[in-house]
PDB file of N, CA and C in Angstrom:
ATOM      1  N   MET A   1       0.841  -1.183   0.000  1.00  0.00           N
ATOM      2  CA  MET A   1       0.000   0.000   0.000  1.00  0.00           C
ATOM      3  C   MET A   1       0.883   1.242   0.000  1.00  0.00           C
ATOM      4  N   ASN A   2       0.474   2.230  -0.726  1.00  0.00           N
ATOM      5  CA  ASN A   2       1.202   3.478  -0.851  1.00  0.00           C
ATOM      6  C   ASN A   2       0.801   4.416   0.288  1.00  0.00           C
ATOM      7  N   HIS A   3       1.778   4.877   1.072  1.00  0.00           N
ATOM      8  CA  HIS A   3       1.482   5.727   2.226  1.00  0.00           C
ATOM      9  C   HIS A   3       1.970   7.160   2.043  1.00  0.00           C
ATOM     10  N   ARG A   4       2.231   7.568   0.805  1.00  0.00           N
ATOM     11  CA  ARG A   4       2.643   8.949   0.570  1.00  0.00           C
ATOM     12  C   ARG A   4       1.446   9.879   0.738  1.00  0.00           C
ATOM     13  N   ILE A   5       1.711  11.090   1.219  1.00  0.00           N
ATOM     14  CA  ILE A   5       0.637  12.070   1.347  1.00  0.00           C
ATOM     15  C   ILE A   5       0.934  13.243   0.430  1.00  0.00           C
ATOM     16  N   THR A   6      -0.109  13.923   0.036  1.00  0.00           N
ATOM     17  CA  THR A   6       0.047  15.071  -0.857  1.00  0.00           C
ATOM     18  C   THR A   6       0.441  16.303  -0.054  1.00  0.00           C
ATOM     19  N   ASN A   7       0.876  17.335  -0.759  1.00  0.00           N
ATOM     20  CA  ASN A   7       1.213  18.596  -0.097  1.00  0.00           C
ATOM     21  C   ASN A   7      -0.001  19.168   0.619  1.00  0.00           C
ATOM     22  N   ARG A   8      -1.182  19.026   0.018  1.00  0.00           N
ATOM     23  CA  ARG A   8      -2.410  19.542   0.643  1.00  0.00           C
ATOM     24  C   ARG A   8      -2.686  18.814   1.955  1.00  0.00           C
ATOM     25  N   GLU A   9      -2.511  17.499   1.963  1.00  0.00           N
ATOM     26  CA  GLU A   9      -2.729  16.728   3.189  1.00  0.00           C
ATOM     27  C   GLU A   9      -1.721  17.127   4.263  1.00  0.00           C
ATOM     28  N   LEU A  10      -0.476  17.367   3.859  1.00  0.00           N
ATOM     29  CA  LEU A  10       0.544  17.808   4.808  1.00  0.00           C
ATOM     30  C   LEU A  10       0.182  19.173   5.386  1.00  0.00           C
ATOM     31  N   LEU A  11      -0.278  20.084   4.548  1.00  0.00           N
ATOM     32  CA  LEU A  11      -0.706  21.400   5.020  1.00  0.00           C
ATOM     33  C   LEU A  11      -1.875  21.272   5.993  1.00  0.00           C
ATOM     34  N   ASP A  12      -2.820  20.400   5.706  1.00  0.00           N
ATOM     35  CA  ASP A  12      -3.944  20.158   6.611  1.00  0.00           C
ATOM     36  C   ASP A  12      -3.452  19.702   7.978  1.00  0.00           C
ATOM     37  N   LEU A  13      -2.486  18.783   7.992  1.00  0.00           N
ATOM     38  CA  LEU A  13      -1.950  18.281   9.264  1.00  0.00           C
ATOM     39  C   LEU A  13      -1.246  19.383  10.046  1.00  0.00           C
ATOM     40  N   VAL A  14      -0.475  20.217   9.353  1.00  0.00           N
ATOM     41  CA  VAL A  14       0.229  21.323  10.015  1.00  0.00           C
ATOM     42  C   VAL A  14      -0.765  22.320  10.587  1.00  0.00           C
ATOM     43  N   GLU A  15      -1.791  22.674   9.828  1.00  0.00           N
ATOM     44  CA  GLU A  15      -2.795  23.619  10.318  1.00  0.00           C
ATOM     45  C   GLU A  15      -3.541  23.051  11.518  1.00  0.00           C
ATOM     46  N   ALA A  16      -3.813  21.778  11.512  1.00  0.00           N
ATOM     47  CA  ALA A  16      -4.489  21.158  12.651  1.00  0.00           C
ATOM     48  C   ALA A  16      -3.577  21.137  13.871  1.00  0.00           C
ATOM     49  N   ALA A  17      -2.297  20.845  13.663  1.00  0.00           N
ATOM     50  CA  ALA A  17      -1.350  20.785  14.780  1.00  0.00           C
ATOM     51  C   ALA A  17      -1.139  22.150  15.416  1.00  0.00           C
ATOM     52  N   THR A  18      -1.170  23.201  14.625  1.00  0.00           N
ATOM     53  CA  THR A  18      -0.961  24.545  15.160  1.00  0.00           C
ATOM     54  C   THR A  18      -2.243  25.179  15.674  1.00  0.00           C
ATOM     55  N   GLY A  19      -3.358  24.491  15.514  1.00  0.00           N
ATOM     56  CA  GLY A  19      -4.623  25.012  16.013  1.00  0.00           C
ATOM     57  C   GLY A  19      -5.282  26.014  15.090  1.00  0.00           C
ATOM     58  N   THR A  20      -4.788  26.144  13.874  1.00  0.00           N
ATOM     59  CA  THR A  20      -5.376  27.075  12.918  1.00  0.00           C
ATOM     60  C   THR A  20      -6.789  26.663  12.548  1.00  0.00           C
ATOM     61  N   ARG A  21      -7.006  25.358  12.426  1.00  0.00           N
ATOM     62  CA  ARG A  21      -8.350  24.867  12.128  1.00  0.00           C
ATOM     63  C   ARG A  21      -8.472  23.414  12.559  1.00  0.00           C
ATOM     64  N   LYS A  22      -9.707  22.971  12.680  1.00  0.00           N
ATOM     65  CA  LYS A  22      -9.993  21.594  13.052  1.00  0.00           C
ATOM     66  C   LYS A  22      -9.790  20.707  11.829  1.00  0.00           C
ATOM     67  N   LEU A  23      -9.108  19.600  12.025  1.00  0.00           N
ATOM     68  CA  LEU A  23      -8.852  18.713  10.903  1.00  0.00           C
ATOM     69  C   LEU A  23      -9.841  17.566  10.894  1.00  0.00           C
ATOM     70  N   VAL A  24     -10.503  17.402   9.783  1.00  0.00           N
ATOM     71  CA  VAL A  24     -11.379  16.259   9.563  1.00  0.00           C
ATOM     72  C   VAL A  24     -10.938  15.580   8.277  1.00  0.00           C
ATOM     73  N   LEU A  25     -11.159  14.290   8.216  1.00  0.00           N
ATOM     74  CA  LEU A  25     -10.753  13.492   7.067  1.00  0.00           C
ATOM     75  C   LEU A  25     -11.966  12.937   6.352  1.00  0.00           C
ATOM     76  N   LYS A  26     -11.848  12.746   5.056  1.00  0.00           N
ATOM     77  CA  LYS A  26     -12.862  12.025   4.299  1.00  0.00           C
ATOM     78  C   LYS A  26     -12.582  10.540   4.484  1.00  0.00           C
ATOM     79  N   VAL A  27     -13.549   9.706   4.175  1.00  0.00           N
ATOM     80  CA  VAL A  27     -13.398   8.260   4.371  1.00  0.00           C
ATOM     81  C   VAL A  27     -12.207   7.697   3.588  1.00  0.00           C
ATOM     82  N   PRO A  28     -11.999   8.051   2.312  1.00  0.00           N
ATOM     83  CA  PRO A  28     -10.835   7.496   1.604  1.00  0.00           C
ATOM     84  C   PRO A  28      -9.501   7.909   2.230  1.00  0.00           C
ATOM     85  N   GLU A  29      -9.410   9.161   2.702  1.00  0.00           N
ATOM     86  CA  GLU A  29      -8.188   9.625   3.358  1.00  0.00           C
ATOM     87  C   GLU A  29      -7.955   8.860   4.653  1.00  0.00           C
ATOM     88  N   PHE A  30      -9.013   8.675   5.430  1.00  0.00           N
ATOM     89  CA  PHE A  30      -8.915   7.939   6.690  1.00  0.00           C
ATOM     90  C   PHE A  30      -8.455   6.508   6.430  1.00  0.00           C
ATOM     91  N   ALA A  31      -9.074   5.856   5.452  1.00  0.00           N
ATOM     92  CA  ALA A  31      -8.715   4.467   5.127  1.00  0.00           C
ATOM     93  C   ALA A  31      -7.256   4.364   4.703  1.00  0.00           C
ATOM     94  N   ARG A  32      -6.789   5.311   3.908  1.00  0.00           N
ATOM     95  CA  ARG A  32      -5.400   5.295   3.454  1.00  0.00           C
ATOM     96  C   ARG A  32      -4.437   5.467   4.627  1.00  0.00           C
ATOM     97  N   LEU A  33      -4.746   6.384   5.543  1.00  0.00           N
ATOM     98  CA  LEU A  33      -3.857   6.635   6.676  1.00  0.00           C
ATOM     99  C   LEU A  33      -3.782   5.462   7.647  1.00  0.00           C
ATOM    100  N   VAL A  34      -4.882   4.741   7.831  1.00  0.00           N
ATOM    101  CA  VAL A  34      -4.863   3.601   8.761  1.00  0.00           C
ATOM    102  C   VAL A  34      -4.460   2.308   8.064  1.00  0.00           C
ATOM    103  N   GLY A  35      -4.262   2.368   6.749  1.00  0.00           N
ATOM    104  CA  GLY A  35      -3.814   1.189   6.017  1.00  0.00           C
ATOM    105  C   GLY A  35      -4.876   0.132   5.825  1.00  0.00           C
ATOM    106  N   ARG A  36      -6.113   0.556   5.758  1.00  0.00           N
ATOM    107  CA  ARG A  36      -7.231  -0.371   5.550  1.00  0.00           C
ATOM    108  C   ARG A  36      -7.912  -0.063   4.230  1.00  0.00           C
ATOM    109  N   ASP A  37      -8.735  -0.989   3.766  1.00  0.00           N
ATOM    110  CA  ASP A  37      -9.473  -0.811   2.526  1.00  0.00           C
ATOM    111  C   ASP A  37     -10.692   0.082   2.768  1.00  0.00           C
ATOM    112  N   TYR A  38     -11.012   0.902   1.782  1.00  0.00           N
ATOM    113  CA  TYR A  38     -12.171   1.801   1.858  1.00  0.00           C
ATOM    114  C   TYR A  38     -13.444   1.025   2.182  1.00  0.00           C
ATOM    115  N   ASP A  39     -13.636  -0.127   1.512  1.00  0.00           N
ATOM    116  CA  ASP A  39     -14.848  -0.928   1.717  1.00  0.00           C
ATOM    117  C   ASP A  39     -14.916  -1.538   3.112  1.00  0.00           C
ATOM    118  N   GLU A  40     -13.783  -1.668   3.777  1.00  0.00           N
ATOM    119  CA  GLU A  40     -13.754  -2.174   5.150  1.00  0.00           C
ATOM    120  C   GLU A  40     -14.112  -1.072   6.154  1.00  0.00           C
ATOM    121  N   ILE A  41     -13.703   0.152   5.858  1.00  0.00           N
ATOM    122  CA  ILE A  41     -13.913   1.279   6.768  1.00  0.00           C
ATOM    123  C   ILE A  41     -15.324   1.857   6.655  1.00  0.00           C
ATOM    124  N   LEU A  42     -15.841   1.988   5.447  1.00  0.00           N
ATOM    125  CA  LEU A  42     -17.114   2.680   5.224  1.00  0.00           C
ATOM    126  C   LEU A  42     -18.268   2.167   6.080  1.00  0.00           C
ATOM    127  N   PRO A  43     -18.486   0.846   6.229  1.00  0.00           N
ATOM    128  CA  PRO A  43     -19.611   0.396   7.065  1.00  0.00           C
ATOM    129  C   PRO A  43     -19.460   0.753   8.548  1.00  0.00           C
ATOM    130  N   ARG A  44     -18.239   1.008   9.000  1.00  0.00           N
ATOM    131  CA  ARG A  44     -17.993   1.317  10.413  1.00  0.00           C
ATOM    132  C   ARG A  44     -18.135   2.799  10.736  1.00  0.00           C
ATOM    133  N   VAL A  45     -18.109   3.648   9.703  1.00  0.00           N
ATOM    134  CA  VAL A  45     -18.185   5.097   9.895  1.00  0.00           C
ATOM    135  C   VAL A  45     -19.565   5.464  10.422  1.00  0.00           C
ATOM    136  N   GLY A  46     -19.580   6.247  11.496  1.00  0.00           N
ATOM    137  CA  GLY A  46     -20.841   6.661  12.107  1.00  0.00           C
ATOM    138  C   GLY A  46     -21.322   5.695  13.171  1.00  0.00           C
ATOM    139  N   ARG A  47     -20.773   4.493  13.208  1.00  0.00           N
ATOM    140  CA  ARG A  47     -21.130   3.517  14.242  1.00  0.00           C
ATOM    141  C   ARG A  47     -20.004   3.433  15.268  1.00  0.00           C
ATOM    142  N   ASP A  48     -18.915   2.732  14.949  1.00  0.00           N
ATOM    143  CA  ASP A  48     -17.816   2.649  15.909  1.00  0.00           C
ATOM    144  C   ASP A  48     -16.654   3.573  15.543  1.00  0.00           C
ATOM    145  N   ILE A  49     -16.750   4.278  14.430  1.00  0.00           N
ATOM    146  CA  ILE A  49     -15.806   5.343  14.091  1.00  0.00           C
ATOM    147  C   ILE A  49     -16.600   6.640  14.136  1.00  0.00           C
ATOM    148  N   PRO A  50     -16.280   7.533  15.090  1.00  0.00           N
ATOM    149  CA  PRO A  50     -17.062   8.764  15.210  1.00  0.00           C
ATOM    150  C   PRO A  50     -16.932   9.620  13.952  1.00  0.00           C
ATOM    151  N   ALA A  51     -18.062  10.097  13.455  1.00  0.00           N
ATOM    152  CA  ALA A  51     -18.060  10.915  12.241  1.00  0.00           C
ATOM    153  C   ALA A  51     -19.337  11.736  12.173  1.00  0.00           C
ATOM    154  N   GLU A  52     -19.281  12.771  11.358  1.00  0.00           N
ATOM    155  CA  GLU A  52     -20.444  13.624  11.123  1.00  0.00           C
ATOM    156  C   GLU A  52     -20.634  13.764   9.623  1.00  0.00           C
ATOM    157  N   ARG A  53     -21.874  14.005   9.230  1.00  0.00           N
ATOM    158  CA  ARG A  53     -22.157  14.244   7.816  1.00  0.00           C
ATOM    159  C   ARG A  53     -21.869  15.698   7.479  1.00  0.00           C
ATOM    160  N   ASP A  54     -21.238  15.912   6.330  1.00  0.00           N
ATOM    161  CA  ASP A  54     -21.001  17.249   5.813  1.00  0.00           C
ATOM    162  C   ASP A  54     -22.346  17.814   5.371  1.00  0.00           C
ATOM    163  N   GLY A  55     -22.677  19.009   5.810  1.00  0.00           N
ATOM    164  CA  GLY A  55     -23.983  19.586   5.518  1.00  0.00           C
ATOM    165  C   GLY A  55     -24.257  19.837   4.052  1.00  0.00           C
ATOM    166  N   ASP A  56     -23.238  20.157   3.272  1.00  0.00           N
ATOM    167  CA  ASP A  56     -23.450  20.505   1.872  1.00  0.00           C
ATOM    168  C   ASP A  56     -23.712  19.293   0.988  1.00  0.00           C
ATOM    169  N   ARG A  57     -22.880  18.298   1.103  1.00  0.00           N
ATOM    170  CA  ARG A  57     -22.975  17.161   0.196  1.00  0.00           C
ATOM    171  C   ARG A  57     -23.338  15.853   0.875  1.00  0.00           C
ATOM    172  N   GLY A  58     -23.348  15.821   2.179  1.00  0.00           N
ATOM    173  CA  GLY A  58     -23.690  14.598   2.888  1.00  0.00           C
ATOM    174  C   GLY A  58     -22.546  13.607   3.008  1.00  0.00           C
ATOM    175  N   ASN A  59     -21.312  14.039   2.710  1.00  0.00           N
ATOM    176  CA  ASN A  59     -20.152  13.165   2.855  1.00  0.00           C
ATOM    177  C   ASN A  59     -19.767  13.039   4.322  1.00  0.00           C
ATOM    178  N   TRP A  60     -19.217  11.891   4.690  1.00  0.00           N
ATOM    179  CA  TRP A  60     -18.757  11.691   6.053  1.00  0.00           C
ATOM    180  C   TRP A  60     -17.492  12.492   6.298  1.00  0.00           C
ATOM    181  N   ARG A  61     -17.392  13.093   7.474  1.00  0.00           N
ATOM    182  CA  ARG A  61     -16.195  13.796   7.933  1.00  0.00           C
ATOM    183  C   ARG A  61     -15.783  13.160   9.257  1.00  0.00           C
ATOM    184  N   ILE A  62     -14.567  12.660   9.316  1.00  0.00           N
ATOM    185  CA  ILE A  62     -14.065  11.943  10.488  1.00  0.00           C
ATOM    186  C   ILE A  62     -13.011  12.814  11.165  1.00  0.00           C
ATOM    187  N   PRO A  63     -13.165  13.129  12.467  1.00  0.00           N
ATOM    188  CA  PRO A  63     -12.154  13.931  13.157  1.00  0.00           C
ATOM    189  C   PRO A  63     -10.828  13.172  13.244  1.00  0.00           C
ATOM    190  N   ILE A  64      -9.737  13.907  13.199  1.00  0.00           N
ATOM    191  CA  ILE A  64      -8.402  13.309  13.207  1.00  0.00           C
ATOM    192  C   ILE A  64      -8.170  12.453  14.459  1.00  0.00           C
ATOM    193  N   GLN A  65      -8.847  12.779  15.563  1.00  0.00           N
ATOM    194  CA  GLN A  65      -8.680  12.021  16.801  1.00  0.00           C
ATOM    195  C   GLN A  65      -9.134  10.573  16.651  1.00  0.00           C
ATOM    196  N   ALA A  66      -9.980  10.283  15.677  1.00  0.00           N
ATOM    197  CA  ALA A  66     -10.459   8.914  15.465  1.00  0.00           C
ATOM    198  C   ALA A  66      -9.360   7.996  14.944  1.00  0.00           C
ATOM    199  N   LEU A  67      -8.241   8.562  14.515  1.00  0.00           N
ATOM    200  CA  LEU A  67      -7.116   7.746  14.047  1.00  0.00           C
ATOM    201  C   LEU A  67      -6.424   7.004  15.182  1.00  0.00           C
ATOM    202  N   ARG A  68      -6.427   7.575  16.370  1.00  0.00           N
ATOM    203  CA  ARG A  68      -5.639   7.039  17.485  1.00  0.00           C
ATOM    204  C   ARG A  68      -5.844   5.550  17.751  1.00  0.00           C
ATOM    205  N   PRO A  69      -7.067   5.044  17.897  1.00  0.00           N
ATOM    206  CA  PRO A  69      -7.214   3.605  18.166  1.00  0.00           C
ATOM    207  C   PRO A  69      -6.646   2.720  17.054  1.00  0.00           C
ATOM    208  N   PHE A  70      -6.710   3.181  15.823  1.00  0.00           N
ATOM    209  CA  PHE A  70      -6.181   2.404  14.705  1.00  0.00           C
ATOM    210  C   PHE A  70      -4.660   2.399  14.712  1.00  0.00           C
ATOM    211  N   LEU A  71      -4.064   3.537  15.026  1.00  0.00           N
ATOM    212  CA  LEU A  71      -2.612   3.645  14.997  1.00  0.00           C
ATOM    213  C   LEU A  71      -1.952   2.999  16.204  1.00  0.00           C
ATOM    214  N   THR A  72      -2.667   2.906  17.317  1.00  0.00           N
ATOM    215  CA  THR A  72      -2.102   2.279  18.514  1.00  0.00           C
ATOM    216  C   THR A  72      -2.456   0.807  18.616  1.00  0.00           C
ATOM    217  N   GLY A  73      -3.240   0.301  17.663  1.00  0.00           N
ATOM    218  CA  GLY A  73      -3.575  -1.123  17.646  1.00  0.00           C
ATOM    219  C   GLY A  73      -4.692  -1.515  18.588  1.00  0.00           C
ATOM    220  N   ARG A  74      -5.505  -0.560  19.025  1.00  0.00           N
ATOM    221  CA  ARG A  74      -6.597  -0.865  19.954  1.00  0.00           C
ATOM    222  C   ARG A  74      -7.921  -1.113  19.253  1.00  0.00           C
ATOM    223  N   THR A  75      -7.889  -1.429  17.987  1.00  0.00           N
ATOM    224  CA  THR A  75      -9.119  -1.732  17.263  1.00  0.00           C
ATOM    225  C   THR A  75      -8.956  -3.045  16.518  1.00  0.00           C
ATOM    226  N   ALA A  76     -10.045  -3.773  16.394  1.00  0.00           N
ATOM    227  CA  ALA A  76     -10.002  -5.072  15.717  1.00  0.00           C
ATOM    228  C   ALA A  76      -9.832  -4.888  14.220  1.00  0.00           C
ATOM    229  N   ALA A  77      -9.192  -5.837  13.611  1.00  0.00           N
ATOM    230  CA  ALA A  77      -8.939  -5.768  12.160  1.00  0.00           C
ATOM    231  C   ALA A  77     -10.198  -5.949  11.363  1.00  0.00           C
TER     232      ALA A  77
END
């Protein structure tokens, strides 16, 4: 799996770290960062992965804090 991030994604992370803005991820971005398949993550969004619907288009937005259990290994595969 390719784990490279784009310049835009890097800028998003820097802005979130400095408190400039709240960082939320789309489902494909979240799946890529945790190293899982999109089809594996999507059914869990909104249930055991905290997320909110984007008001304009209805897309899921996942807060960056939801990455922690996946990165520390505290979630089932």
